[in-house]
Amino acid sequence: MSRAPRITLYSTRRCPHCRQLKAWLRQRGLSFRELDIERNARAFREFQRLGARGVPVLLVGDRRVDGFDPARLRRLLS
């Protein structure tokens, strides 16, 4: 039995693409850990270490997706 990869989402409350991505993940029954980089200093430091320039940033295991890209996410999660 294979385990689903850990999914981590770096986001902000005001980001419309973050809201779309969260809805997309929930519609597929995928659990994820959300880290708000505006409210959580540790999450912000992690976000900076990733060299990210904007949200959303999604980590699926060791793979990274910047922005909301449903086609890439489907391929990554299949």
C-alpha atoms as a PDB file:
ATOM      1  CA  MET A   1       0.000   0.000   0.000  1.00  0.00           C
ATOM      2  CA  SER A   2       1.521   3.334  -1.037  1.00  0.00           C
ATOM      3  CA  ARG A   3       1.173   6.376   1.141  1.00  0.00           C
ATOM      4  CA  ALA A   4      -0.057   9.650  -0.241  1.00  0.00           C
ATOM      5  CA  PRO A   5       2.663  12.302  -0.338  1.00  0.00           C
ATOM      6  CA  ARG A   6       2.588  15.034   2.279  1.00  0.00           C
ATOM      7  CA  ILE A   7       1.038  18.212   0.879  1.00  0.00           C
ATOM      8  CA  THR A   8       1.991  21.634   2.261  1.00  0.00           C
ATOM      9  CA  LEU A   9       0.471  24.885   1.035  1.00  0.00           C
ATOM     10  CA  TYR A  10       2.090  28.278   1.635  1.00  0.00           C
ATOM     11  CA  SER A  11      -0.617  30.901   1.303  1.00  0.00           C
ATOM     12  CA  THR A  12      -2.132  34.180   2.492  1.00  0.00           C
ATOM     13  CA  ARG A  13      -5.740  34.967   3.389  1.00  0.00           C
ATOM     14  CA  ARG A  14      -6.163  37.576   0.650  1.00  0.00           C
ATOM     15  CA  CYS A  15      -4.804  35.461  -2.204  1.00  0.00           C
ATOM     16  CA  PRO A  16      -7.569  34.413  -4.638  1.00  0.00           C
ATOM     17  CA  HIS A  17      -5.363  31.738  -6.248  1.00  0.00           C
ATOM     18  CA  CYS A  18      -4.727  30.269  -2.801  1.00  0.00           C
ATOM     19  CA  ARG A  19      -8.482  30.003  -2.222  1.00  0.00           C
ATOM     20  CA  GLN A  20      -8.925  28.324  -5.614  1.00  0.00           C
ATOM     21  CA  LEU A  21      -6.151  25.857  -4.873  1.00  0.00           C
ATOM     22  CA  LYS A  22      -7.566  24.996  -1.429  1.00  0.00           C
ATOM     23  CA  ALA A  23     -10.999  24.383  -2.961  1.00  0.00           C
ATOM     24  CA  TRP A  24      -9.428  22.232  -5.699  1.00  0.00           C
ATOM     25  CA  LEU A  25      -7.591  20.095  -3.127  1.00  0.00           C
ATOM     26  CA  ARG A  26     -10.686  19.728  -0.925  1.00  0.00           C
ATOM     27  CA  GLN A  27     -12.870  18.739  -3.899  1.00  0.00           C
ATOM     28  CA  ARG A  28     -10.478  15.845  -4.466  1.00  0.00           C
ATOM     29  CA  GLY A  29     -10.485  14.824  -0.818  1.00  0.00           C
ATOM     30  CA  LEU A  30      -6.796  15.617  -0.399  1.00  0.00           C
ATOM     31  CA  SER A  31      -5.581  16.602   3.029  1.00  0.00           C
ATOM     32  CA  PHE A  32      -2.969  19.312   3.252  1.00  0.00           C
ATOM     33  CA  ARG A  33      -1.210  21.505   5.762  1.00  0.00           C
ATOM     34  CA  GLU A  34      -1.736  25.211   5.163  1.00  0.00           C
ATOM     35  CA  LEU A  35       0.841  27.732   6.319  1.00  0.00           C
ATOM     36  CA  ASP A  36      -0.170  31.403   6.205  1.00  0.00           C
ATOM     37  CA  ILE A  37       3.037  33.313   5.559  1.00  0.00           C
ATOM     38  CA  GLU A  38       1.532  36.589   6.790  1.00  0.00           C
ATOM     39  CA  ARG A  39       0.407  35.237  10.165  1.00  0.00           C
ATOM     40  CA  ASN A  40       3.151  32.695  10.863  1.00  0.00           C
ATOM     41  CA  ALA A  41       6.757  33.951  11.059  1.00  0.00           C
ATOM     42  CA  ARG A  42       8.188  30.427  10.888  1.00  0.00           C
ATOM     43  CA  ALA A  43       6.154  29.696   7.746  1.00  0.00           C
ATOM     44  CA  PHE A  44       7.397  32.958   6.236  1.00  0.00           C
ATOM     45  CA  ARG A  45      11.022  31.967   6.892  1.00  0.00           C
ATOM     46  CA  GLU A  46      10.415  28.560   5.278  1.00  0.00           C
ATOM     47  CA  PHE A  47       8.794  30.322   2.313  1.00  0.00           C
ATOM     48  CA  GLN A  48      11.837  32.592   1.992  1.00  0.00           C
ATOM     49  CA  ARG A  49      14.234  29.620   2.181  1.00  0.00           C
ATOM     50  CA  LEU A  50      12.367  28.091  -0.753  1.00  0.00           C
ATOM     51  CA  GLY A  51      13.203  31.214  -2.769  1.00  0.00           C
ATOM     52  CA  ALA A  52       9.519  31.647  -3.533  1.00  0.00           C
ATOM     53  CA  ARG A  53       8.357  34.926  -5.020  1.00  0.00           C
ATOM     54  CA  GLY A  54       4.607  34.659  -4.491  1.00  0.00           C
ATOM     55  CA  VAL A  55       1.796  32.474  -3.216  1.00  0.00           C
ATOM     56  CA  PRO A  56       0.429  29.898  -3.531  1.00  0.00           C
ATOM     57  CA  VAL A  57       3.374  27.542  -3.277  1.00  0.00           C
ATOM     58  CA  LEU A  58       2.466  23.890  -2.957  1.00  0.00           C
ATOM     59  CA  LEU A  59       4.872  21.172  -1.896  1.00  0.00           C
ATOM     60  CA  VAL A  60       3.801  17.648  -2.782  1.00  0.00           C
ATOM     61  CA  GLY A  61       6.393  15.464  -1.145  1.00  0.00           C
ATOM     62  CA  ASP A  62       9.635  16.923  -2.478  1.00  0.00           C
ATOM     63  CA  ARG A  63       8.055  18.427  -5.602  1.00  0.00           C
ATOM     64  CA  ARG A  64       7.059  22.069  -5.787  1.00  0.00           C
ATOM     65  CA  VAL A  65       4.306  23.845  -7.729  1.00  0.00           C
ATOM     66  CA  ASP A  66       4.219  27.646  -7.789  1.00  0.00           C
ATOM     67  CA  GLY A  67       0.819  29.163  -8.491  1.00  0.00           C
ATOM     68  CA  PHE A  68      -2.422  27.338  -9.195  1.00  0.00           C
ATOM     69  CA  ASP A  69      -1.817  25.004 -12.136  1.00  0.00           C
ATOM     70  CA  PRO A  70      -4.554  22.321 -12.196  1.00  0.00           C
ATOM     71  CA  ALA A  71      -3.075  20.407 -15.155  1.00  0.00           C
ATOM     72  CA  ARG A  72       0.335  20.109 -13.497  1.00  0.00           C
ATOM     73  CA  LEU A  73      -1.268  19.185 -10.169  1.00  0.00           C
ATOM     74  CA  ARG A  74      -3.305  16.400 -11.792  1.00  0.00           C
ATOM     75  CA  ARG A  75      -0.145  14.942 -13.348  1.00  0.00           C
ATOM     76  CA  LEU A  76       1.781  15.252 -10.094  1.00  0.00           C
ATOM     77  CA  LEU A  77      -0.932  13.647  -7.974  1.00  0.00           C
ATOM     78  CA  SER A  78      -1.855  10.805 -10.360  1.00  0.00           C
END
